[in-house]
Amino acid sequence: MGVLFFPVATEKALGKVDYGNIITYVVDTRATKAQIRKEFEETFGVKVAKINTGISIKNSKKAYITLRKEYRAEELAKKLKLV
């Protein structure tokens, strides 16, 4: 099983898709940024510019994955059926 669990489809997360070129994913709490980047790039065929992570009170880890400018998060969100 990989480190990526599922994409977040909240209103805030979808706003980041439109305005920041960012996809939000729930990931394994033990996953490093390097592991997240590798699996995301291999799975979706895109290049990642930056990853920010945070652990919520409910002990779930979210990765805020910023795509490079040549890739569009909106297109990836459509593939993931977020929009």
PDB file of N, CA and C in Angstrom:
ATOM      1  N   MET A   1       0.852  -1.189   0.000  1.00  0.00           N
ATOM      2  CA  MET A   1       0.000   0.000   0.000  1.00  0.00           C
ATOM      3  C   MET A   1       0.886   1.235   0.000  1.00  0.00           C
ATOM      4  N   GLY A   2       0.506   2.223  -0.783  1.00  0.00           N
ATOM      5  CA  GLY A   2       1.294   3.438  -0.906  1.00  0.00           C
ATOM      6  C   GLY A   2       1.034   4.428   0.214  1.00  0.00           C
ATOM      7  N   VAL A   3       1.686   5.559   0.110  1.00  0.00           N
ATOM      8  CA  VAL A   3       1.551   6.587   1.142  1.00  0.00           C
ATOM      9  C   VAL A   3       0.382   7.527   0.872  1.00  0.00           C
ATOM     10  N   LEU A   4      -0.119   7.572  -0.382  1.00  0.00           N
ATOM     11  CA  LEU A   4      -1.264   8.414  -0.712  1.00  0.00           C
ATOM     12  C   LEU A   4      -2.549   7.658  -0.405  1.00  0.00           C
ATOM     13  N   PHE A   5      -3.451   8.284   0.375  1.00  0.00           N
ATOM     14  CA  PHE A   5      -4.708   7.620   0.697  1.00  0.00           C
ATOM     15  C   PHE A   5      -5.846   8.109  -0.195  1.00  0.00           C
ATOM     16  N   PHE A   6      -6.245   9.372  -0.068  1.00  0.00           N
ATOM     17  CA  PHE A   6      -7.344   9.896  -0.880  1.00  0.00           C
ATOM     18  C   PHE A   6      -7.256  11.417  -0.962  1.00  0.00           C
ATOM     19  N   PRO A   7      -7.806  11.986  -2.050  1.00  0.00           N
ATOM     20  CA  PRO A   7      -7.791  13.442  -2.194  1.00  0.00           C
ATOM     21  C   PRO A   7      -8.868  14.070  -1.307  1.00  0.00           C
ATOM     22  N   VAL A   8      -8.635  15.302  -0.905  1.00  0.00           N
ATOM     23  CA  VAL A   8      -9.588  16.043  -0.083  1.00  0.00           C
ATOM     24  C   VAL A   8     -10.464  16.867  -1.016  1.00  0.00           C
ATOM     25  N   ALA A   9     -11.796  16.785  -0.818  1.00  0.00           N
ATOM     26  CA  ALA A   9     -12.729  17.460  -1.720  1.00  0.00           C
ATOM     27  C   ALA A   9     -13.575  18.500  -0.986  1.00  0.00           C
ATOM     28  N   THR A  10     -12.996  19.185  -0.023  1.00  0.00           N
ATOM     29  CA  THR A  10     -13.731  20.238   0.682  1.00  0.00           C
ATOM     30  C   THR A  10     -13.726  21.515  -0.154  1.00  0.00           C
ATOM     31  N   GLU A  11     -14.556  22.464   0.248  1.00  0.00           N
ATOM     32  CA  GLU A  11     -14.626  23.734  -0.477  1.00  0.00           C
ATOM     33  C   GLU A  11     -13.285  24.468  -0.428  1.00  0.00           C
ATOM     34  N   LYS A  12     -12.629  24.415   0.707  1.00  0.00           N
ATOM     35  CA  LYS A  12     -11.324  25.072   0.855  1.00  0.00           C
ATOM     36  C   LYS A  12     -10.287  24.412  -0.053  1.00  0.00           C
ATOM     37  N   ALA A  13     -10.273  23.088  -0.079  1.00  0.00           N
ATOM     38  CA  ALA A  13      -9.299  22.362  -0.910  1.00  0.00           C
ATOM     39  C   ALA A  13      -9.539  22.624  -2.394  1.00  0.00           C
ATOM     40  N   LEU A  14     -10.793  22.704  -2.810  1.00  0.00           N
ATOM     41  CA  LEU A  14     -11.095  22.971  -4.217  1.00  0.00           C
ATOM     42  C   LEU A  14     -10.763  24.411  -4.588  1.00  0.00           C
ATOM     43  N   GLY A  15     -10.830  25.328  -3.640  1.00  0.00           N
ATOM     44  CA  GLY A  15     -10.397  26.699  -3.884  1.00  0.00           C
ATOM     45  C   GLY A  15      -8.912  26.763  -4.164  1.00  0.00           C
ATOM     46  N   LYS A  16      -8.142  25.926  -3.470  1.00  0.00           N
ATOM     47  CA  LYS A  16      -6.691  25.876  -3.700  1.00  0.00           C
ATOM     48  C   LYS A  16      -6.374  25.318  -5.086  1.00  0.00           C
ATOM     49  N   VAL A  17      -7.216  24.434  -5.583  1.00  0.00           N
ATOM     50  CA  VAL A  17      -7.028  23.903  -6.934  1.00  0.00           C
ATOM     51  C   VAL A  17      -7.144  25.040  -7.945  1.00  0.00           C
ATOM     52  N   ASP A  18      -8.166  25.873  -7.779  1.00  0.00           N
ATOM     53  CA  ASP A  18      -8.429  26.956  -8.731  1.00  0.00           C
ATOM     54  C   ASP A  18      -7.395  28.070  -8.654  1.00  0.00           C
ATOM     55  N   TYR A  19      -7.025  28.479  -7.459  1.00  0.00           N
ATOM     56  CA  TYR A  19      -6.214  29.686  -7.304  1.00  0.00           C
ATOM     57  C   TYR A  19      -4.740  29.442  -6.986  1.00  0.00           C
ATOM     58  N   GLY A  20      -4.401  28.255  -6.522  1.00  0.00           N
ATOM     59  CA  GLY A  20      -3.017  28.026  -6.149  1.00  0.00           C
ATOM     60  C   GLY A  20      -2.327  26.889  -6.865  1.00  0.00           C
ATOM     61  N   ASN A  21      -3.066  26.188  -7.759  1.00  0.00           N
ATOM     62  CA  ASN A  21      -2.517  25.030  -8.465  1.00  0.00           C
ATOM     63  C   ASN A  21      -2.060  23.955  -7.466  1.00  0.00           C
ATOM     64  N   ILE A  22      -2.876  23.773  -6.403  1.00  0.00           N
ATOM     65  CA  ILE A  22      -2.532  22.869  -5.301  1.00  0.00           C
ATOM     66  C   ILE A  22      -3.582  21.771  -5.183  1.00  0.00           C
ATOM     67  N   ILE A  23      -3.120  20.528  -5.062  1.00  0.00           N
ATOM     68  CA  ILE A  23      -3.980  19.380  -4.773  1.00  0.00           C
ATOM     69  C   ILE A  23      -3.729  18.973  -3.321  1.00  0.00           C
ATOM     70  N   THR A  24      -4.803  18.738  -2.572  1.00  0.00           N
ATOM     71  CA  THR A  24      -4.687  18.330  -1.175  1.00  0.00           C
ATOM     72  C   THR A  24      -4.986  16.840  -1.070  1.00  0.00           C
ATOM     73  N   TYR A  25      -4.099  16.115  -0.408  1.00  0.00           N
ATOM     74  CA  TYR A  25      -4.233  14.668  -0.258  1.00  0.00           C
ATOM     75  C   TYR A  25      -4.044  14.281   1.202  1.00  0.00           C
ATOM     76  N   VAL A  26      -4.807  13.292   1.670  1.00  0.00           N
ATOM     77  CA  VAL A  26      -4.552  12.676   2.968  1.00  0.00           C
ATOM     78  C   VAL A  26      -3.540  11.576   2.732  1.00  0.00           C
ATOM     79  N   VAL A  27      -2.475  11.588   3.545  1.00  0.00           N
ATOM     80  CA  VAL A  27      -1.369  10.650   3.360  1.00  0.00           C
ATOM     81  C   VAL A  27      -1.072   9.924   4.664  1.00  0.00           C
ATOM     82  N   ASP A  28      -0.236   8.926   4.569  1.00  0.00           N
ATOM     83  CA  ASP A  28       0.212   8.178   5.750  1.00  0.00           C
ATOM     84  C   ASP A  28       0.975   9.117   6.680  1.00  0.00           C
ATOM     85  N   THR A  29       0.707   9.037   7.983  1.00  0.00           N
ATOM     86  CA  THR A  29       1.340   9.942   8.945  1.00  0.00           C
ATOM     87  C   THR A  29       2.848   9.743   9.024  1.00  0.00           C
ATOM     88  N   ARG A  30       3.353   8.584   8.608  1.00  0.00           N
ATOM     89  CA  ARG A  30       4.794   8.322   8.657  1.00  0.00           C
ATOM     90  C   ARG A  30       5.501   8.697   7.363  1.00  0.00           C
ATOM     91  N   ALA A  31       4.746   9.146   6.351  1.00  0.00           N
ATOM     92  CA  ALA A  31       5.322   9.442   5.040  1.00  0.00           C
ATOM     93  C   ALA A  31       6.147  10.720   5.070  1.00  0.00           C
ATOM     94  N   THR A  32       7.273  10.697   4.374  1.00  0.00           N
ATOM     95  CA  THR A  32       8.105  11.889   4.238  1.00  0.00           C
ATOM     96  C   THR A  32       7.697  12.633   2.964  1.00  0.00           C
ATOM     97  N   LYS A  33       8.153  13.878   2.854  1.00  0.00           N
ATOM     98  CA  LYS A  33       7.841  14.663   1.663  1.00  0.00           C
ATOM     99  C   LYS A  33       8.426  14.013   0.408  1.00  0.00           C
ATOM    100  N   ALA A  34       9.598  13.434   0.526  1.00  0.00           N
ATOM    101  CA  ALA A  34      10.231  12.770  -0.614  1.00  0.00           C
ATOM    102  C   ALA A  34       9.401  11.566  -1.072  1.00  0.00           C
ATOM    103  N   GLN A  35       8.874  10.793  -0.133  1.00  0.00           N
ATOM    104  CA  GLN A  35       8.043   9.643  -0.487  1.00  0.00           C
ATOM    105  C   GLN A  35       6.742  10.090  -1.150  1.00  0.00           C
ATOM    106  N   ILE A  36       6.144  11.154  -0.613  1.00  0.00           N
ATOM    107  CA  ILE A  36       4.901  11.682  -1.176  1.00  0.00           C
ATOM    108  C   ILE A  36       5.145  12.167  -2.600  1.00  0.00           C
ATOM    109  N   ARG A  37       6.221  12.936  -2.798  1.00  0.00           N
ATOM    110  CA  ARG A  37       6.561  13.466  -4.123  1.00  0.00           C
ATOM    111  C   ARG A  37       6.751  12.330  -5.125  1.00  0.00           C
ATOM    112  N   LYS A  38       7.530  11.319  -4.753  1.00  0.00           N
ATOM    113  CA  LYS A  38       7.829  10.214  -5.662  1.00  0.00           C
ATOM    114  C   LYS A  38       6.562   9.478  -6.078  1.00  0.00           C
ATOM    115  N   GLU A  39       5.730   9.127  -5.115  1.00  0.00           N
ATOM    116  CA  GLU A  39       4.521   8.378  -5.441  1.00  0.00           C
ATOM    117  C   GLU A  39       3.535   9.222  -6.255  1.00  0.00           C
ATOM    118  N   PHE A  40       3.395  10.504  -5.909  1.00  0.00           N
ATOM    119  CA  PHE A  40       2.464  11.376  -6.626  1.00  0.00           C
ATOM    120  C   PHE A  40       2.898  11.552  -8.084  1.00  0.00           C
ATOM    121  N   GLU A  41       4.184  11.796  -8.303  1.00  0.00           N
ATOM    122  CA  GLU A  41       4.687  11.983  -9.667  1.00  0.00           C
ATOM    123  C   GLU A  41       4.553  10.710 -10.489  1.00  0.00           C
ATOM    124  N   GLU A  42       4.831   9.561  -9.894  1.00  0.00           N
ATOM    125  CA  GLU A  42       4.724   8.292 -10.621  1.00  0.00           C
ATOM    126  C   GLU A  42       3.270   7.930 -10.915  1.00  0.00           C
ATOM    127  N   THR A  43       2.390   8.206  -9.970  1.00  0.00           N
ATOM    128  CA  THR A  43       0.991   7.830 -10.129  1.00  0.00           C
ATOM    129  C   THR A  43       0.273   8.683 -11.164  1.00  0.00           C
ATOM    130  N   PHE A  44       0.497  10.002 -11.123  1.00  0.00           N
ATOM    131  CA  PHE A  44      -0.281  10.913 -11.959  1.00  0.00           C
ATOM    132  C   PHE A  44       0.482  11.481 -13.147  1.00  0.00           C
ATOM    133  N   GLY A  45       1.761  11.215 -13.266  1.00  0.00           N
ATOM    134  CA  GLY A  45       2.531  11.673 -14.406  1.00  0.00           C
ATOM    135  C   GLY A  45       2.710  13.180 -14.472  1.00  0.00           C
ATOM    136  N   VAL A  46       2.812  13.832 -13.326  1.00  0.00           N
ATOM    137  CA  VAL A  46       3.033  15.280 -13.260  1.00  0.00           C
ATOM    138  C   VAL A  46       4.288  15.551 -12.434  1.00  0.00           C
ATOM    139  N   LYS A  47       4.785  16.774 -12.490  1.00  0.00           N
ATOM    140  CA  LYS A  47       5.937  17.167 -11.683  1.00  0.00           C
ATOM    141  C   LYS A  47       5.472  18.070 -10.551  1.00  0.00           C
ATOM    142  N   VAL A  48       6.033  17.851  -9.379  1.00  0.00           N
ATOM    143  CA  VAL A  48       5.667  18.596  -8.174  1.00  0.00           C
ATOM    144  C   VAL A  48       6.672  19.717  -7.955  1.00  0.00           C
ATOM    145  N   ALA A  49       6.154  20.914  -7.665  1.00  0.00           N
ATOM    146  CA  ALA A  49       7.023  22.048  -7.365  1.00  0.00           C
ATOM    147  C   ALA A  49       7.355  22.099  -5.876  1.00  0.00           C
ATOM    148  N   LYS A  50       6.334  21.855  -5.023  1.00  0.00           N
ATOM    149  CA  LYS A  50       6.527  22.007  -3.586  1.00  0.00           C
ATOM    150  C   LYS A  50       5.489  21.179  -2.851  1.00  0.00           C
ATOM    151  N   ILE A  51       5.844  20.725  -1.651  1.00  0.00           N
ATOM    152  CA  ILE A  51       4.909  20.000  -0.795  1.00  0.00           C
ATOM    153  C   ILE A  51       4.962  20.597   0.602  1.00  0.00           C
ATOM    154  N   ASN A  52       3.783  20.926   1.136  1.00  0.00           N
ATOM    155  CA  ASN A  52       3.649  21.312   2.540  1.00  0.00           C
ATOM    156  C   ASN A  52       2.800  20.249   3.211  1.00  0.00           C
ATOM    157  N   THR A  53       3.131  19.915   4.450  1.00  0.00           N
ATOM    158  CA  THR A  53       2.358  18.903   5.163  1.00  0.00           C
ATOM    159  C   THR A  53       1.921  19.443   6.515  1.00  0.00           C
ATOM    160  N   GLY A  54       0.865  18.842   7.045  1.00  0.00           N
ATOM    161  CA  GLY A  54       0.387  19.197   8.365  1.00  0.00           C
ATOM    162  C   GLY A  54      -0.394  18.042   8.948  1.00  0.00           C
ATOM    163  N   ILE A  55      -0.320  17.893  10.258  1.00  0.00           N
ATOM    164  CA  ILE A  55      -1.047  16.837  10.945  1.00  0.00           C
ATOM    165  C   ILE A  55      -2.189  17.482  11.722  1.00  0.00           C
ATOM    166  N   SER A  56      -3.406  16.966  11.515  1.00  0.00           N
ATOM    167  CA  SER A  56      -4.581  17.534  12.159  1.00  0.00           C
ATOM    168  C   SER A  56      -4.744  16.971  13.571  1.00  0.00           C
ATOM    169  N   ILE A  57      -5.708  17.512  14.265  1.00  0.00           N
ATOM    170  CA  ILE A  57      -6.001  17.056  15.630  1.00  0.00           C
ATOM    171  C   ILE A  57      -6.458  15.604  15.620  1.00  0.00           C
ATOM    172  N   LYS A  58      -7.101  15.196  14.543  1.00  0.00           N
ATOM    173  CA  LYS A  58      -7.607  13.822  14.418  1.00  0.00           C
ATOM    174  C   LYS A  58      -6.523  12.838  14.006  1.00  0.00           C
ATOM    175  N   ASN A  59      -5.266  13.278  14.041  1.00  0.00           N
ATOM    176  CA  ASN A  59      -4.095  12.458  13.722  1.00  0.00           C
ATOM    177  C   ASN A  59      -4.106  11.961  12.273  1.00  0.00           C
ATOM    178  N   SER A  60      -4.572  12.815  11.367  1.00  0.00           N
ATOM    179  CA  SER A  60      -4.438  12.506   9.945  1.00  0.00           C
ATOM    180  C   SER A  60      -3.512  13.545   9.338  1.00  0.00           C
ATOM    181  N   LYS A  61      -2.688  13.111   8.407  1.00  0.00           N
ATOM    182  CA  LYS A  61      -1.699  13.995   7.789  1.00  0.00           C
ATOM    183  C   LYS A  61      -2.179  14.399   6.408  1.00  0.00           C
ATOM    184  N   LYS A  62      -2.162  15.705   6.144  1.00  0.00           N
ATOM    185  CA  LYS A  62      -2.534  16.220   4.839  1.00  0.00           C
ATOM    186  C   LYS A  62      -1.299  16.750   4.135  1.00  0.00           C
ATOM    187  N   ALA A  63      -1.220  16.477   2.853  1.00  0.00           N
ATOM    188  CA  ALA A  63      -0.144  17.006   2.019  1.00  0.00           C
ATOM    189  C   ALA A  63      -0.754  17.988   1.032  1.00  0.00           C
ATOM    190  N   TYR A  64      -0.216  19.204   1.016  1.00  0.00           N
ATOM    191  CA  TYR A  64      -0.637  20.235   0.079  1.00  0.00           C
ATOM    192  C   TYR A  64       0.402  20.241  -1.042  1.00  0.00           C
ATOM    193  N   ILE A  65       0.047  19.669  -2.176  1.00  0.00           N
ATOM    194  CA  ILE A  65       0.987  19.408  -3.259  1.00  0.00           C
ATOM    195  C   ILE A  65       0.822  20.468  -4.344  1.00  0.00           C
ATOM    196  N   THR A  66       1.835  21.308  -4.493  1.00  0.00           N
ATOM    197  CA  THR A  66       1.820  22.351  -5.520  1.00  0.00           C
ATOM    198  C   THR A  66       2.467  21.801  -6.785  1.00  0.00           C
ATOM    199  N   LEU A  67       1.731  21.882  -7.877  1.00  0.00           N
ATOM    200  CA  LEU A  67       2.242  21.393  -9.157  1.00  0.00           C
ATOM    201  C   LEU A  67       3.071  22.465  -9.844  1.00  0.00           C
ATOM    202  N   ARG A  68       3.987  22.028 -10.700  1.00  0.00           N
ATOM    203  CA  ARG A  68       4.760  22.984 -11.501  1.00  0.00           C
ATOM    204  C   ARG A  68       3.833  23.713 -12.463  1.00  0.00           C
ATOM    205  N   LYS A  69       4.290  24.873 -12.930  1.00  0.00           N
ATOM    206  CA  LYS A  69       3.437  25.739 -13.753  1.00  0.00           C
ATOM    207  C   LYS A  69       2.989  25.099 -15.060  1.00  0.00           C
ATOM    208  N   GLU A  70       3.762  24.175 -15.587  1.00  0.00           N
ATOM    209  CA  GLU A  70       3.368  23.556 -16.855  1.00  0.00           C
ATOM    210  C   GLU A  70       2.237  22.537 -16.696  1.00  0.00           C
ATOM    211  N   TYR A  71       1.877  22.205 -15.460  1.00  0.00           N
ATOM    212  CA  TYR A  71       0.779  21.279 -15.176  1.00  0.00           C
ATOM    213  C   TYR A  71      -0.348  22.039 -14.492  1.00  0.00           C
ATOM    214  N   ARG A  72      -1.588  21.616 -14.755  1.00  0.00           N
ATOM    215  CA  ARG A  72      -2.742  22.294 -14.184  1.00  0.00           C
ATOM    216  C   ARG A  72      -3.443  21.377 -13.188  1.00  0.00           C
ATOM    217  N   ALA A  73      -3.634  21.877 -11.983  1.00  0.00           N
ATOM    218  CA  ALA A  73      -4.312  21.106 -10.935  1.00  0.00           C
ATOM    219  C   ALA A  73      -5.776  20.881 -11.297  1.00  0.00           C
ATOM    220  N   GLU A  74      -6.375  21.793 -12.056  1.00  0.00           N
ATOM    221  CA  GLU A  74      -7.775  21.636 -12.459  1.00  0.00           C
ATOM    222  C   GLU A  74      -7.965  20.388 -13.309  1.00  0.00           C
ATOM    223  N   GLU A  75      -7.033  20.131 -14.224  1.00  0.00           N
ATOM    224  CA  GLU A  75      -7.131  18.942 -15.067  1.00  0.00           C
ATOM    225  C   GLU A  75      -6.978  17.668 -14.232  1.00  0.00           C
ATOM    226  N   LEU A  76      -6.055  17.696 -13.279  1.00  0.00           N
ATOM    227  CA  LEU A  76      -5.862  16.540 -12.408  1.00  0.00           C
ATOM    228  C   LEU A  76      -7.083  16.329 -11.517  1.00  0.00           C
ATOM    229  N   ALA A  77      -7.686  17.406 -11.035  1.00  0.00           N
ATOM    230  CA  ALA A  77      -8.888  17.310 -10.205  1.00  0.00           C
ATOM    231  C   ALA A  77     -10.038  16.684 -10.989  1.00  0.00           C
ATOM    232  N   LYS A  78     -10.126  16.975 -12.289  1.00  0.00           N
ATOM    233  CA  LYS A  78     -11.159  16.350 -13.118  1.00  0.00           C
ATOM    234  C   LYS A  78     -10.914  14.861 -13.251  1.00  0.00           C
ATOM    235  N   LYS A  79      -9.648  14.466 -13.411  1.00  0.00           N
ATOM    236  CA  LYS A  79      -9.309  13.037 -13.484  1.00  0.00           C
ATOM    237  C   LYS A  79      -9.675  12.310 -12.183  1.00  0.00           C
ATOM    238  N   LEU A  80      -9.479  13.009 -11.059  1.00  0.00           N
ATOM    239  CA  LEU A  80      -9.778  12.428  -9.752  1.00  0.00           C
ATOM    240  C   LEU A  80     -11.262  12.549  -9.400  1.00  0.00           C
ATOM    241  N   LYS A  81     -12.038  13.196 -10.286  1.00  0.00           N
ATOM    242  CA  LYS A  81     -13.484  13.414 -10.112  1.00  0.00           C
ATOM    243  C   LYS A  81     -13.791  14.242  -8.866  1.00  0.00           C
ATOM    244  N   LEU A  82     -12.949  15.257  -8.643  1.00  0.00           N
ATOM    245  CA  LEU A  82     -13.195  16.186  -7.527  1.00  0.00           C
ATOM    246  C   LEU A  82     -14.142  17.298  -7.954  1.00  0.00           C
ATOM    247  N   VAL A  83     -14.117  17.624  -9.256  1.00  0.00           N
ATOM    248  CA  VAL A  83     -15.007  18.662  -9.779  1.00  0.00           C
ATOM    249  C   VAL A  83     -15.853  18.137 -10.910  1.00  0.00           C
TER     250      VAL A  83
END
